[in-house]
């Protein structure tokens, strides 16, 4: 599969390397596709990796991953909407606002979510929210000695969710859970806020959530 990753930060590069490692072709879309950082990423990731503009990456892709800061989401999606039409879009973003050293807060919540906004901005695409509740370093092949972490996902299109579920399993997520339609991003995004608050309280960023069944 050809996967276009919109965003060249830690999340985008980590997922790009992870997808390439399981034999997908990956293009990272960036405003600076020729940066030294991305050249180093391509050299490390190997022949399945390349870079381009955000529209290049969206056009290249069979499936798109949205991995940009929330403040850049609307502008970015306006650029790639034609190229993203008809495609599955994995939304790993969180609508966070940061101020000083205090824990961030959600820019949206209760009556709408970031995932819903992404779907509204890409009405011709199939948005699936997932991978937004864990550190980028553990988005692939998570290993936790105290249990098996869970990865939730939600979206409106059953076929798109099936595709994403298969990809998650390829990344090593052995416990995945379909939460329903994209409105359930209203639950997933506050869960990210809980993840951040716990991390700040305990000075750790290597934790994840698990569901214990009796």
Protein backbone atom coordinates (compact mmCIF):
# COMPACT_ATOMS: atom_id res chain seq x y z
CA UNK A 1 0.00 0.00 0.00
CA UNK A 2 1.10 3.57 -0.64
CA UNK A 3 0.74 5.65 2.53
CA UNK A 4 0.98 9.44 2.51
CA UNK A 5 1.77 11.05 5.83
CA UNK A 6 0.81 14.69 6.15
CA UNK A 7 3.19 16.11 8.75
CA UNK A 8 6.93 15.66 9.24
CA UNK A 9 7.23 15.96 13.02
CA UNK A 10 8.06 13.19 15.49
CA UNK A 11 4.70 11.47 14.94
CA UNK A 12 4.86 11.58 11.15
CA UNK A 13 8.44 10.32 10.96
CA UNK A 14 7.85 7.56 13.50
CA UNK A 15 4.76 6.27 11.71
CA UNK A 16 6.48 6.59 8.34
CA UNK A 17 9.34 4.39 9.49
CA UNK A 18 6.94 1.91 11.08
CA UNK A 19 4.83 1.55 7.93
CA UNK A 20 7.92 1.21 5.73
CA UNK A 21 9.19 -1.54 8.03
CA UNK A 22 6.08 -3.60 7.26
CA UNK A 23 6.56 -3.19 3.50
CA UNK A 24 4.39 -0.17 2.70
CA UNK A 25 5.61 2.62 0.42
CA UNK A 26 5.63 5.89 2.38
CA UNK A 27 5.78 9.54 1.40
CA UNK A 28 5.95 12.24 4.06
CA UNK A 29 4.35 15.50 2.98
CA UNK A 30 5.98 18.63 4.37
CA UNK A 31 6.45 22.33 3.73
CA UNK A 32 10.19 21.55 3.76
CA UNK A 33 10.53 18.16 2.02
CA UNK A 34 14.24 18.71 1.34
CA UNK A 35 15.19 19.49 4.94
CA UNK A 36 18.23 17.81 6.49
CA UNK A 37 15.94 16.16 9.03
CA UNK A 38 13.85 14.49 6.34
CA UNK A 39 16.91 13.52 4.32
CA UNK A 40 18.23 11.77 7.43
CA UNK A 41 14.85 10.09 7.91
CA UNK A 42 14.85 8.79 4.33
CA UNK A 43 18.40 7.48 4.65
CA UNK A 44 17.54 5.68 7.89
CA UNK A 45 14.17 4.34 6.69
CA UNK A 46 15.37 3.03 3.35
CA UNK A 47 14.13 2.66 -0.20
CA UNK A 48 10.43 2.58 0.70
CA UNK A 49 10.58 6.17 2.00
CA UNK A 50 10.35 9.45 0.12
CA UNK A 51 9.22 13.03 0.72
CA UNK A 52 7.24 15.70 -1.11
CA UNK A 53 4.79 18.51 -0.56
CA UNK A 54 1.57 17.83 1.34
CA UNK A 55 -0.35 17.70 -1.93
CA UNK A 56 2.26 15.36 -3.41
CA UNK A 57 1.85 13.00 -0.45
CA UNK A 58 -1.94 13.07 -0.61
CA UNK A 59 -1.93 12.39 -4.37
CA UNK A 60 0.65 9.58 -3.97
CA UNK A 61 -1.32 7.81 -1.26
CA UNK A 62 -3.82 4.99 -1.24
CA UNK A 63 -4.29 5.90 2.43
CA UNK A 64 -3.44 9.16 4.21
CA UNK A 65 -2.29 9.81 7.77
CA UNK A 66 -2.95 13.27 9.20
CA UNK A 67 -0.21 14.07 11.71
CA UNK A 68 0.03 17.86 12.00
CA UNK A 69 -0.42 20.24 14.93
CA UNK A 70 -4.05 21.15 15.47
CA UNK A 71 -3.43 24.80 14.59
CA UNK A 72 -2.43 23.77 11.07
CA UNK A 73 -5.22 21.28 10.38
CA UNK A 74 -7.70 23.50 8.56
CA UNK A 75 -5.17 25.11 6.22
CA UNK A 76 -3.54 21.76 5.46
CA UNK A 77 -6.79 19.98 4.69
CA UNK A 78 -7.91 22.77 2.37
CA UNK A 79 -4.77 22.07 0.35
CA UNK A 80 -5.22 18.30 0.09
CA UNK A 81 -9.00 17.91 -0.09
CA UNK A 82 -9.13 17.11 -3.85
CA UNK A 83 -6.31 14.55 -3.59
CA UNK A 84 -7.84 12.98 -0.46
CA UNK A 85 -11.27 12.41 -2.01
CA UNK A 86 -12.43 8.81 -1.74
CA UNK A 87 -9.48 7.80 0.45
CA UNK A 88 -9.18 6.59 4.03
CA UNK A 89 -7.66 9.26 6.27
CA UNK A 90 -6.25 8.22 9.64
CA UNK A 91 -6.52 11.18 12.00
CA UNK A 92 -3.95 10.99 14.81
CA UNK A 93 -4.32 14.65 15.82
CA UNK A 94 -5.63 16.09 19.07
CA UNK A 95 -7.23 19.55 19.36
CA UNK A 96 -4.97 20.78 22.15
CA UNK A 97 -4.26 24.31 23.33
CA UNK A 98 -1.05 24.90 25.29
CA UNK A 99 -0.30 27.71 27.73
CA UNK A 100 2.88 27.89 29.77
CA UNK A 101 3.69 24.93 32.02
CA UNK A 102 0.09 24.05 32.81
CA UNK A 103 -1.48 20.94 31.33
CA UNK A 104 -3.01 21.68 27.92
CA UNK A 105 -6.74 21.91 27.40
CA UNK A 106 -9.02 20.80 24.61
CA UNK A 107 -9.88 23.43 22.03
CA UNK A 108 -13.05 21.48 21.26
CA UNK A 109 -15.22 19.11 23.23
CA UNK A 110 -18.61 17.88 24.45
CA UNK A 111 -20.64 18.84 21.37
CA UNK A 112 -17.99 18.38 18.66
CA UNK A 113 -14.51 16.92 18.34
CA UNK A 114 -11.39 17.32 16.27
CA UNK A 115 -12.18 14.09 14.46
CA UNK A 116 -15.57 15.42 13.44
CA UNK A 117 -14.02 18.67 12.24
CA UNK A 118 -11.53 16.72 10.12
CA UNK A 119 -14.41 14.73 8.60
CA UNK A 120 -16.31 17.95 7.90
CA UNK A 121 -13.26 19.44 6.19
CA UNK A 122 -12.83 16.25 4.13
CA UNK A 123 -16.44 15.36 3.30
CA UNK A 124 -15.39 13.11 0.40
CA UNK A 125 -12.90 11.09 2.50
CA UNK A 126 -13.33 8.36 5.12
CA UNK A 127 -11.82 9.63 8.38
CA UNK A 128 -10.84 7.18 11.13
CA UNK A 129 -9.62 8.52 14.48
CA UNK A 130 -6.93 6.45 16.21
CA UNK A 131 -3.35 6.41 17.57
CA UNK A 132 -3.97 9.65 19.46
CA UNK A 133 -3.66 8.25 23.00
CA UNK A 134 -0.03 7.12 23.16
CA UNK A 135 3.49 8.50 22.74
CA UNK A 136 4.76 8.50 19.16
CA UNK A 137 7.62 6.25 20.28
CA UNK A 138 5.10 3.52 21.10
CA UNK A 139 2.73 3.84 18.15
CA UNK A 140 4.28 0.74 16.60
CA UNK A 141 4.99 -2.57 18.30
CA UNK A 142 4.09 -1.39 21.82
CA UNK A 143 5.57 -3.55 24.55
CA UNK A 144 4.36 -3.12 28.12
CA UNK A 145 5.33 -5.65 30.77
CA UNK A 146 2.30 -4.96 32.94
CA UNK A 147 -0.30 -5.80 30.29
CA UNK A 148 -1.51 -5.45 26.71
CA UNK A 149 -2.33 -1.88 25.70
CA UNK A 150 -5.53 -1.16 23.81
CA UNK A 151 -5.91 1.07 20.78
CA UNK A 152 -9.35 2.50 20.11
CA UNK A 153 -10.59 3.75 16.76
CA UNK A 154 -13.78 5.28 15.39
CA UNK A 155 -15.16 6.43 12.07
CA UNK A 156 -18.26 6.46 9.91
CA UNK A 157 -17.24 4.01 7.18
CA UNK A 158 -17.10 0.29 8.13
CA UNK A 159 -14.77 -0.62 5.26
CA UNK A 160 -12.36 2.18 6.20
CA UNK A 161 -12.34 1.02 9.82
CA UNK A 162 -11.60 -2.54 8.72
CA UNK A 163 -8.62 -1.29 6.70
CA UNK A 164 -7.34 0.69 9.68
CA UNK A 165 -7.84 -2.26 12.03
CA UNK A 166 -5.65 -4.43 9.78
CA UNK A 167 -2.98 -1.70 9.71
CA UNK A 168 -3.07 -1.40 13.51
CA UNK A 169 -2.50 -5.13 13.87
CA UNK A 170 0.38 -4.85 11.42
CA UNK A 171 1.86 -2.22 13.75
CA UNK A 172 1.63 -4.66 16.65
CA UNK A 173 -1.62 -3.58 18.30
CA UNK A 174 -3.10 -6.91 19.37
CA UNK A 175 -5.99 -5.36 21.30
CA UNK A 176 -8.02 -2.94 19.20
CA UNK A 177 -11.54 -1.71 19.76
CA UNK A 178 -14.05 -0.11 17.39
CA UNK A 179 -15.92 2.58 19.32
CA UNK A 180 -18.42 3.39 16.58
CA UNK A 181 -18.86 6.47 14.42
CA UNK A 182 -16.66 9.57 14.27
CA UNK A 183 -18.65 11.37 17.00
CA UNK A 184 -16.87 9.10 19.46
CA UNK A 185 -13.76 11.19 18.89
CA UNK A 186 -15.41 13.25 21.65
CA UNK A 187 -14.39 10.40 23.97
CA UNK A 188 -10.98 9.61 22.47
CA UNK A 189 -9.63 13.15 22.53
CA UNK A 190 -10.27 13.72 26.26
CA UNK A 191 -8.55 10.37 26.81
CA UNK A 192 -5.44 11.93 25.30
CA UNK A 193 -5.77 14.78 27.78
CA UNK A 194 -5.89 12.23 30.61
CA UNK A 195 -2.76 10.58 29.16
CA UNK A 196 -0.94 13.94 29.20
CA UNK A 197 -2.13 14.87 32.69
CA UNK A 198 -0.96 11.52 34.07
CA UNK A 199 2.38 11.94 32.34
CA UNK A 200 2.93 15.39 33.83
CA UNK A 201 1.93 14.20 37.30
CA UNK A 202 4.24 11.16 37.23
CA UNK A 203 7.01 12.42 34.94
CA UNK A 204 6.60 9.61 32.45
CA UNK A 205 5.62 9.43 28.78
CA UNK A 206 5.87 5.67 28.34
CA UNK A 207 2.43 4.75 29.63
CA UNK A 208 -0.61 3.50 27.74
CA UNK A 209 -4.19 2.42 28.47
CA UNK A 210 -5.42 -1.14 28.83
CA UNK A 211 -8.87 -2.64 29.19
CA UNK A 212 -9.06 -5.33 31.88
CA UNK A 213 -11.71 -7.96 31.28
CA UNK A 214 -13.07 -10.25 33.95
